[in-house]
């Protein structure tokens, strides 16, 4: 009676034309990552945010979501890569982005609202739908190392209306284009489609500095918690507890004093 290994060789030989390596376990490759430029955060993430996947950063306002995204894009654009920022509520400040180190000539900024006077409460779903279509077009076009979809000011009841199929399509498109797709949201909405999930929590408030003639608020403290990282290859239902890390960001005016 032939051995199991001999039977396996026979099966793979017959199926080689139709199903190459039918019984060979596919080894998961370590994904390429983009460093955020913050040593504490990169150490927690294992080097940075993964390329070709979805990274979701959620949390309340003023907890560091935008600062983290800008620092990451600064690191990516300084390597000579092109990036895109899809701005649902027209909230991005180019001055702050430049001060964070982002090379604006390599950043495509798509604003869903032409007038800043227009309130986000006025037809928020219409603007969100435009942002989703713009993100889809960018991913299908390719050529962008990272794309940030900023939904920070969109209420969770609106982001939860987005069909799950949209996130699946974005995940496949990001993988095909080798693009790091980053979502900034108030609460998680991409579900299992996000390879990396981060939560931003309020941290301790840094007091005002009085080194100059006028006391100024010079530094903000942030806190990150890693809720999910599918690239770790953990066994099913064996999940490490969320790791936390604190980091601080310097204000714009403290750099020009």
C-alpha atoms as a PDB file:
ATOM      1  CA  UNK A   1       0.000   0.000   0.000  1.00  0.00           C
ATOM      2  CA  UNK A   2       1.518   3.366  -1.017  1.00  0.00           C
ATOM      3  CA  UNK A   3       2.370   5.789   1.733  1.00  0.00           C
ATOM      4  CA  UNK A   4       0.522   9.075   2.350  1.00  0.00           C
ATOM      5  CA  UNK A   5       3.433  11.080   0.927  1.00  0.00           C
ATOM      6  CA  UNK A   6       3.419   9.021  -2.268  1.00  0.00           C
ATOM      7  CA  UNK A   7      -0.326   9.510  -2.687  1.00  0.00           C
ATOM      8  CA  UNK A   8       0.127  13.256  -2.169  1.00  0.00           C
ATOM      9  CA  UNK A   9       2.810  13.405  -4.876  1.00  0.00           C
ATOM     10  CA  UNK A  10       0.527  11.579  -7.293  1.00  0.00           C
ATOM     11  CA  UNK A  11      -2.396  13.926  -6.616  1.00  0.00           C
ATOM     12  CA  UNK A  12      -0.297  17.075  -6.981  1.00  0.00           C
ATOM     13  CA  UNK A  13       1.243  15.728 -10.200  1.00  0.00           C
ATOM     14  CA  UNK A  14      -2.162  15.156 -11.762  1.00  0.00           C
ATOM     15  CA  UNK A  15      -3.520  18.527 -10.572  1.00  0.00           C
ATOM     16  CA  UNK A  16      -0.391  20.529 -11.394  1.00  0.00           C
ATOM     17  CA  UNK A  17      -1.866  21.931 -14.613  1.00  0.00           C
ATOM     18  CA  UNK A  18      -5.161  22.998 -13.051  1.00  0.00           C
ATOM     19  CA  UNK A  19      -4.366  23.589  -9.369  1.00  0.00           C
ATOM     20  CA  UNK A  20      -0.627  24.175  -8.755  1.00  0.00           C
ATOM     21  CA  UNK A  21       0.546  23.006  -5.312  1.00  0.00           C
ATOM     22  CA  UNK A  22      -2.976  21.928  -4.378  1.00  0.00           C
ATOM     23  CA  UNK A  23      -1.965  20.468  -1.022  1.00  0.00           C
ATOM     24  CA  UNK A  24       0.811  22.924  -0.185  1.00  0.00           C
ATOM     25  CA  UNK A  25       0.085  25.357   2.626  1.00  0.00           C
ATOM     26  CA  UNK A  26       0.475  28.945   1.487  1.00  0.00           C
ATOM     27  CA  UNK A  27       2.881  30.837   3.717  1.00  0.00           C
ATOM     28  CA  UNK A  28       1.699  34.305   4.688  1.00  0.00           C
ATOM     29  CA  UNK A  29       4.216  36.923   3.639  1.00  0.00           C
ATOM     30  CA  UNK A  30       5.227  39.698   6.007  1.00  0.00           C
ATOM     31  CA  UNK A  31       3.640  42.898   4.624  1.00  0.00           C
ATOM     32  CA  UNK A  32       5.587  46.012   3.831  1.00  0.00           C
ATOM     33  CA  UNK A  33       4.999  48.779   6.365  1.00  0.00           C
ATOM     34  CA  UNK A  34       5.247  52.558   6.381  1.00  0.00           C
ATOM     35  CA  UNK A  35       6.742  54.084   9.518  1.00  0.00           C
ATOM     36  CA  UNK A  36       4.729  56.811  11.202  1.00  0.00           C
ATOM     37  CA  UNK A  37       7.840  58.671  12.309  1.00  0.00           C
ATOM     38  CA  UNK A  38       6.928  58.237  16.009  1.00  0.00           C
ATOM     39  CA  UNK A  39       9.185  55.685  17.645  1.00  0.00           C
ATOM     40  CA  UNK A  40       6.710  54.769  20.402  1.00  0.00           C
ATOM     41  CA  UNK A  41       3.835  54.094  18.004  1.00  0.00           C
ATOM     42  CA  UNK A  42       5.977  52.247  15.453  1.00  0.00           C
ATOM     43  CA  UNK A  43       7.326  49.959  18.180  1.00  0.00           C
ATOM     44  CA  UNK A  44       3.754  49.047  19.154  1.00  0.00           C
ATOM     45  CA  UNK A  45       2.751  48.448  15.522  1.00  0.00           C
ATOM     46  CA  UNK A  46       5.788  46.384  14.623  1.00  0.00           C
ATOM     47  CA  UNK A  47       7.310  49.003  12.342  1.00  0.00           C
ATOM     48  CA  UNK A  48       4.337  51.065  11.145  1.00  0.00           C
ATOM     49  CA  UNK A  49       1.087  50.777   9.198  1.00  0.00           C
ATOM     50  CA  UNK A  50       0.905  47.901   6.673  1.00  0.00           C
ATOM     51  CA  UNK A  51       0.825  48.569   2.953  1.00  0.00           C
ATOM     52  CA  UNK A  52      -1.950  47.083   0.830  1.00  0.00           C
ATOM     53  CA  UNK A  53      -4.407  46.884   3.733  1.00  0.00           C
ATOM     54  CA  UNK A  54      -6.903  49.003   5.683  1.00  0.00           C
ATOM     55  CA  UNK A  55      -5.869  50.726   8.897  1.00  0.00           C
ATOM     56  CA  UNK A  56      -8.718  52.178  10.963  1.00  0.00           C
ATOM     57  CA  UNK A  57      -7.991  54.890  13.539  1.00  0.00           C
ATOM     58  CA  UNK A  58     -11.006  55.751  15.685  1.00  0.00           C
ATOM     59  CA  UNK A  59     -11.695  57.948  18.674  1.00  0.00           C
ATOM     60  CA  UNK A  60     -13.287  61.213  19.853  1.00  0.00           C
ATOM     61  CA  UNK A  61     -12.190  64.634  18.667  1.00  0.00           C
ATOM     62  CA  UNK A  62      -8.799  65.997  19.732  1.00  0.00           C
ATOM     63  CA  UNK A  63      -7.315  62.590  20.534  1.00  0.00           C
ATOM     64  CA  UNK A  64      -4.568  62.512  17.898  1.00  0.00           C
ATOM     65  CA  UNK A  65      -6.144  60.862  14.839  1.00  0.00           C
ATOM     66  CA  UNK A  66      -5.251  63.683  12.447  1.00  0.00           C
ATOM     67  CA  UNK A  67      -1.824  64.211  13.999  1.00  0.00           C
ATOM     68  CA  UNK A  68      -1.024  60.521  13.585  1.00  0.00           C
ATOM     69  CA  UNK A  69      -2.161  60.532   9.947  1.00  0.00           C
ATOM     70  CA  UNK A  70      -0.159  63.673   9.135  1.00  0.00           C
ATOM     71  CA  UNK A  71       3.002  62.304  10.751  1.00  0.00           C
ATOM     72  CA  UNK A  72       2.596  59.097   8.764  1.00  0.00           C
ATOM     73  CA  UNK A  73       2.066  60.943   5.475  1.00  0.00           C
ATOM     74  CA  UNK A  74       5.081  63.110   6.262  1.00  0.00           C
ATOM     75  CA  UNK A  75       7.220  59.992   6.548  1.00  0.00           C
ATOM     76  CA  UNK A  76       5.792  58.558   3.317  1.00  0.00           C
ATOM     77  CA  UNK A  77       5.996  61.721   1.182  1.00  0.00           C
ATOM     78  CA  UNK A  78       9.565  62.374   2.315  1.00  0.00           C
ATOM     79  CA  UNK A  79      10.442  59.033   0.724  1.00  0.00           C
ATOM     80  CA  UNK A  80       9.239  60.422  -2.610  1.00  0.00           C
ATOM     81  CA  UNK A  81       5.834  58.700  -2.638  1.00  0.00           C
ATOM     82  CA  UNK A  82       2.529  60.282  -3.621  1.00  0.00           C
ATOM     83  CA  UNK A  83      -0.363  60.284  -1.138  1.00  0.00           C
ATOM     84  CA  UNK A  84      -4.003  61.413  -1.101  1.00  0.00           C
ATOM     85  CA  UNK A  85      -6.238  62.915   1.571  1.00  0.00           C
ATOM     86  CA  UNK A  86     -10.012  62.564   1.037  1.00  0.00           C
ATOM     87  CA  UNK A  87     -11.531  65.249   3.253  1.00  0.00           C
ATOM     88  CA  UNK A  88     -15.242  64.738   3.954  1.00  0.00           C
ATOM     89  CA  UNK A  89     -15.765  67.886   6.033  1.00  0.00           C
ATOM     90  CA  UNK A  90     -13.046  70.124   4.542  1.00  0.00           C
ATOM     91  CA  UNK A  91     -11.167  70.179   7.837  1.00  0.00           C
ATOM     92  CA  UNK A  92      -7.546  69.695   6.743  1.00  0.00           C
ATOM     93  CA  UNK A  93      -5.200  72.598   7.375  1.00  0.00           C
ATOM     94  CA  UNK A  94      -2.413  72.741   4.763  1.00  0.00           C
ATOM     95  CA  UNK A  95      -0.305  74.875   7.125  1.00  0.00           C
ATOM     96  CA  UNK A  96      -0.511  72.214   9.835  1.00  0.00           C
ATOM     97  CA  UNK A  97       0.243  69.481   7.303  1.00  0.00           C
ATOM     98  CA  UNK A  98       3.333  71.336   6.090  1.00  0.00           C
ATOM     99  CA  UNK A  99       4.448  71.982   9.676  1.00  0.00           C
ATOM    100  CA  UNK A 100       4.129  68.245  10.357  1.00  0.00           C
ATOM    101  CA  UNK A 101       6.582  67.553   7.551  1.00  0.00           C
ATOM    102  CA  UNK A 102       4.179  66.577   4.759  1.00  0.00           C
ATOM    103  CA  UNK A 103       5.500  67.509   1.312  1.00  0.00           C
ATOM    104  CA  UNK A 104       2.407  69.157  -0.117  1.00  0.00           C
ATOM    105  CA  UNK A 105       3.557  68.797  -3.719  1.00  0.00           C
ATOM    106  CA  UNK A 106       3.191  65.029  -3.278  1.00  0.00           C
ATOM    107  CA  UNK A 107      -0.222  65.241  -1.575  1.00  0.00           C
ATOM    108  CA  UNK A 108      -3.527  65.173  -3.465  1.00  0.00           C
ATOM    109  CA  UNK A 109      -6.184  66.920  -1.342  1.00  0.00           C
ATOM    110  CA  UNK A 110      -9.802  66.210  -2.268  1.00  0.00           C
ATOM    111  CA  UNK A 111     -12.312  68.490  -0.539  1.00  0.00           C
ATOM    112  CA  UNK A 112     -15.927  67.372  -0.520  1.00  0.00           C
ATOM    113  CA  UNK A 113     -17.193  70.824   0.449  1.00  0.00           C
ATOM    114  CA  UNK A 114     -16.211  73.841  -1.639  1.00  0.00           C
ATOM    115  CA  UNK A 115     -17.444  76.290   1.010  1.00  0.00           C
ATOM    116  CA  UNK A 116     -16.312  76.137   4.611  1.00  0.00           C
ATOM    117  CA  UNK A 117     -19.497  77.945   5.666  1.00  0.00           C
ATOM    118  CA  UNK A 118     -21.551  74.891   4.803  1.00  0.00           C
ATOM    119  CA  UNK A 119     -22.284  72.972   7.973  1.00  0.00           C
ATOM    120  CA  UNK A 120     -21.544  69.281   8.159  1.00  0.00           C
ATOM    121  CA  UNK A 121     -25.094  68.736   9.454  1.00  0.00           C
ATOM    122  CA  UNK A 122     -26.393  69.841   6.042  1.00  0.00           C
ATOM    123  CA  UNK A 123     -26.665  66.677   3.954  1.00  0.00           C
ATOM    124  CA  UNK A 124     -23.786  64.785   5.641  1.00  0.00           C
ATOM    125  CA  UNK A 125     -24.586  61.571   3.767  1.00  0.00           C
ATOM    126  CA  UNK A 126     -24.262  63.327   0.404  1.00  0.00           C
ATOM    127  CA  UNK A 127     -20.742  64.454   1.219  1.00  0.00           C
ATOM    128  CA  UNK A 128     -19.822  61.066   2.638  1.00  0.00           C
ATOM    129  CA  UNK A 129     -21.060  59.358  -0.506  1.00  0.00           C
ATOM    130  CA  UNK A 130     -18.921  61.678  -2.630  1.00  0.00           C
ATOM    131  CA  UNK A 131     -15.897  60.866  -0.477  1.00  0.00           C
ATOM    132  CA  UNK A 132     -16.465  57.117  -0.874  1.00  0.00           C
ATOM    133  CA  UNK A 133     -16.692  57.460  -4.652  1.00  0.00           C
ATOM    134  CA  UNK A 134     -13.531  59.591  -4.721  1.00  0.00           C
ATOM    135  CA  UNK A 135     -11.661  57.032  -2.608  1.00  0.00           C
ATOM    136  CA  UNK A 136     -12.794  54.244  -4.903  1.00  0.00           C
ATOM    137  CA  UNK A 137     -11.544  56.119  -7.973  1.00  0.00           C
ATOM    138  CA  UNK A 138      -8.167  56.820  -6.371  1.00  0.00           C
ATOM    139  CA  UNK A 139      -7.680  53.178  -5.438  1.00  0.00           C
ATOM    140  CA  UNK A 140      -8.683  51.998  -8.893  1.00  0.00           C
ATOM    141  CA  UNK A 141      -6.317  54.515 -10.516  1.00  0.00           C
ATOM    142  CA  UNK A 142      -3.345  53.409  -8.401  1.00  0.00           C
ATOM    143  CA  UNK A 143      -0.028  55.163  -7.979  1.00  0.00           C
ATOM    144  CA  UNK A 144      -0.656  56.337  -4.398  1.00  0.00           C
ATOM    145  CA  UNK A 145       1.365  54.844  -1.574  1.00  0.00           C
ATOM    146  CA  UNK A 146      -1.183  55.916   1.038  1.00  0.00           C
ATOM    147  CA  UNK A 147      -4.745  57.266   1.024  1.00  0.00           C
ATOM    148  CA  UNK A 148      -6.413  58.820   4.074  1.00  0.00           C
ATOM    149  CA  UNK A 149     -10.217  58.916   4.213  1.00  0.00           C
ATOM    150  CA  UNK A 150     -10.955  61.503   6.888  1.00  0.00           C
ATOM    151  CA  UNK A 151     -14.406  60.874   8.392  1.00  0.00           C
ATOM    152  CA  UNK A 152     -13.508  62.313  11.794  1.00  0.00           C
ATOM    153  CA  UNK A 153     -16.407  64.794  11.876  1.00  0.00           C
ATOM    154  CA  UNK A 154     -19.017  62.354  10.547  1.00  0.00           C
ATOM    155  CA  UNK A 155     -21.333  60.975  13.232  1.00  0.00           C
ATOM    156  CA  UNK A 156     -21.244  57.203  13.820  1.00  0.00           C
ATOM    157  CA  UNK A 157     -24.874  56.786  12.761  1.00  0.00           C
ATOM    158  CA  UNK A 158     -23.875  57.954   9.285  1.00  0.00           C
ATOM    159  CA  UNK A 159     -20.709  55.850   8.930  1.00  0.00           C
ATOM    160  CA  UNK A 160     -22.603  52.774  10.120  1.00  0.00           C
ATOM    161  CA  UNK A 161     -24.906  53.145   7.109  1.00  0.00           C
ATOM    162  CA  UNK A 162     -22.063  52.371   4.734  1.00  0.00           C
ATOM    163  CA  UNK A 163     -22.588  48.855   3.314  1.00  0.00           C
ATOM    164  CA  UNK A 164     -20.066  46.234   4.362  1.00  0.00           C
ATOM    165  CA  UNK A 165     -19.504  45.454   0.690  1.00  0.00           C
ATOM    166  CA  UNK A 166     -17.907  48.887   0.278  1.00  0.00           C
ATOM    167  CA  UNK A 167     -15.178  48.029   2.793  1.00  0.00           C
ATOM    168  CA  UNK A 168     -14.580  44.646   1.131  1.00  0.00           C
ATOM    169  CA  UNK A 169     -14.174  46.369  -2.236  1.00  0.00           C
ATOM    170  CA  UNK A 170     -11.779  48.922  -0.724  1.00  0.00           C
ATOM    171  CA  UNK A 171      -9.738  46.152   0.891  1.00  0.00           C
ATOM    172  CA  UNK A 172      -9.302  44.291  -2.384  1.00  0.00           C
ATOM    173  CA  UNK A 173      -8.517  47.512  -4.272  1.00  0.00           C
ATOM    174  CA  UNK A 174      -5.937  48.576  -1.670  1.00  0.00           C
ATOM    175  CA  UNK A 175      -4.286  45.161  -1.839  1.00  0.00           C
ATOM    176  CA  UNK A 176      -4.150  45.260  -5.630  1.00  0.00           C
ATOM    177  CA  UNK A 177      -2.777  48.836  -5.698  1.00  0.00           C
ATOM    178  CA  UNK A 178      -0.406  48.198  -2.750  1.00  0.00           C
ATOM    179  CA  UNK A 179      -1.855  51.254  -1.043  1.00  0.00           C
ATOM    180  CA  UNK A 180      -2.006  51.858   2.697  1.00  0.00           C
ATOM    181  CA  UNK A 181      -5.648  52.904   3.178  1.00  0.00           C
ATOM    182  CA  UNK A 182      -6.268  54.768   6.448  1.00  0.00           C
ATOM    183  CA  UNK A 183      -9.725  55.563   7.879  1.00  0.00           C
ATOM    184  CA  UNK A 184     -10.161  58.304  10.480  1.00  0.00           C
ATOM    185  CA  UNK A 185     -13.476  57.794  12.279  1.00  0.00           C
ATOM    186  CA  UNK A 186     -15.233  58.463  15.565  1.00  0.00           C
ATOM    187  CA  UNK A 187     -16.094  54.782  15.993  1.00  0.00           C
ATOM    188  CA  UNK A 188     -14.971  51.659  14.074  1.00  0.00           C
ATOM    189  CA  UNK A 189     -17.025  50.947  10.961  1.00  0.00           C
ATOM    190  CA  UNK A 190     -14.866  48.774   8.674  1.00  0.00           C
ATOM    191  CA  UNK A 191     -15.343  45.693  10.864  1.00  0.00           C
ATOM    192  CA  UNK A 192     -13.184  42.701   9.893  1.00  0.00           C
ATOM    193  CA  UNK A 193     -12.025  44.393   6.672  1.00  0.00           C
ATOM    194  CA  UNK A 194      -9.517  46.446   8.679  1.00  0.00           C
ATOM    195  CA  UNK A 195      -6.213  44.654   9.150  1.00  0.00           C
ATOM    196  CA  UNK A 196      -5.049  47.128  11.788  1.00  0.00           C
ATOM    197  CA  UNK A 197      -7.420  48.832  14.231  1.00  0.00           C
ATOM    198  CA  UNK A 198      -6.276  51.617  16.562  1.00  0.00           C
ATOM    199  CA  UNK A 199      -8.240  53.500  19.195  1.00  0.00           C
ATOM    200  CA  UNK A 200      -7.311  57.001  20.337  1.00  0.00           C
ATOM    201  CA  UNK A 201      -8.119  57.915  23.919  1.00  0.00           C
ATOM    202  CA  UNK A 202      -7.868  61.237  25.761  1.00  0.00           C
ATOM    203  CA  UNK A 203      -4.631  61.574  27.686  1.00  0.00           C
ATOM    204  CA  UNK A 204      -3.445  63.864  30.431  1.00  0.00           C
ATOM    205  CA  UNK A 205      -3.471  67.581  29.622  1.00  0.00           C
ATOM    206  CA  UNK A 206      -0.082  69.251  29.445  1.00  0.00           C
ATOM    207  CA  UNK A 207      -0.032  72.619  31.248  1.00  0.00           C
ATOM    208  CA  UNK A 208       0.722  75.859  29.473  1.00  0.00           C
ATOM    209  CA  UNK A 209       4.354  76.845  29.092  1.00  0.00           C
ATOM    210  CA  UNK A 210       5.474  80.252  30.349  1.00  0.00           C
ATOM    211  CA  UNK A 211       8.998  80.313  28.918  1.00  0.00           C
ATOM    212  CA  UNK A 212       8.093  83.283  26.726  1.00  0.00           C
ATOM    213  CA  UNK A 213       6.389  86.564  27.487  1.00  0.00           C
ATOM    214  CA  UNK A 214       2.955  84.978  27.051  1.00  0.00           C
ATOM    215  CA  UNK A 215       2.011  81.512  28.354  1.00  0.00           C
ATOM    216  CA  UNK A 216       1.267  79.198  25.440  1.00  0.00           C
ATOM    217  CA  UNK A 217      -0.093  75.689  25.104  1.00  0.00           C
ATOM    218  CA  UNK A 218       2.878  74.003  23.458  1.00  0.00           C
ATOM    219  CA  UNK A 219       2.385  70.252  23.568  1.00  0.00           C
ATOM    220  CA  UNK A 220      -0.509  67.794  23.444  1.00  0.00           C
ATOM    221  CA  UNK A 221      -0.362  64.316  24.926  1.00  0.00           C
ATOM    222  CA  UNK A 222      -2.068  61.441  23.106  1.00  0.00           C
ATOM    223  CA  UNK A 223      -2.721  57.801  23.889  1.00  0.00           C
ATOM    224  CA  UNK A 224      -3.141  54.934  21.408  1.00  0.00           C
ATOM    225  CA  UNK A 225      -4.518  51.459  21.980  1.00  0.00           C
ATOM    226  CA  UNK A 226      -4.008  48.673  19.453  1.00  0.00           C
ATOM    227  CA  UNK A 227      -7.242  46.698  19.267  1.00  0.00           C
ATOM    228  CA  UNK A 228      -6.453  44.419  16.312  1.00  0.00           C
ATOM    229  CA  UNK A 229      -3.478  43.546  14.138  1.00  0.00           C
ATOM    230  CA  UNK A 230      -4.198  40.631  11.799  1.00  0.00           C
ATOM    231  CA  UNK A 231      -0.612  40.592  10.541  1.00  0.00           C
ATOM    232  CA  UNK A 232       0.555  38.994  13.771  1.00  0.00           C
ATOM    233  CA  UNK A 233      -0.793  35.613  12.619  1.00  0.00           C
ATOM    234  CA  UNK A 234      -2.291  34.752  15.983  1.00  0.00           C
ATOM    235  CA  UNK A 235      -4.216  31.454  16.285  1.00  0.00           C
ATOM    236  CA  UNK A 236      -7.996  31.661  16.196  1.00  0.00           C
ATOM    237  CA  UNK A 237      -9.489  33.028  19.400  1.00  0.00           C
ATOM    238  CA  UNK A 238      -6.049  33.537  20.914  1.00  0.00           C
ATOM    239  CA  UNK A 239      -5.817  37.276  20.986  1.00  0.00           C
ATOM    240  CA  UNK A 240      -3.278  39.399  22.771  1.00  0.00           C
ATOM    241  CA  UNK A 241      -4.619  42.183  24.969  1.00  0.00           C
ATOM    242  CA  UNK A 242      -4.669  45.621  23.431  1.00  0.00           C
ATOM    243  CA  UNK A 243      -1.389  47.427  23.827  1.00  0.00           C
ATOM    244  CA  UNK A 244      -1.235  51.089  24.744  1.00  0.00           C
ATOM    245  CA  UNK A 245       1.317  53.750  24.012  1.00  0.00           C
ATOM    246  CA  UNK A 246       1.518  57.469  24.748  1.00  0.00           C
ATOM    247  CA  UNK A 247       3.089  60.091  22.534  1.00  0.00           C
ATOM    248  CA  UNK A 248       3.136  63.862  22.363  1.00  0.00           C
ATOM    249  CA  UNK A 249       2.836  66.338  19.508  1.00  0.00           C
ATOM    250  CA  UNK A 250       4.268  69.822  19.413  1.00  0.00           C
ATOM    251  CA  UNK A 251       1.953  72.703  18.505  1.00  0.00           C
ATOM    252  CA  UNK A 252       2.517  74.738  15.372  1.00  0.00           C
ATOM    253  CA  UNK A 253       3.095  78.052  17.099  1.00  0.00           C
ATOM    254  CA  UNK A 254       5.744  76.652  19.431  1.00  0.00           C
ATOM    255  CA  UNK A 255       7.893  75.870  16.366  1.00  0.00           C
ATOM    256  CA  UNK A 256       7.860  79.408  15.035  1.00  0.00           C
ATOM    257  CA  UNK A 257       8.455  81.286  18.268  1.00  0.00           C
END
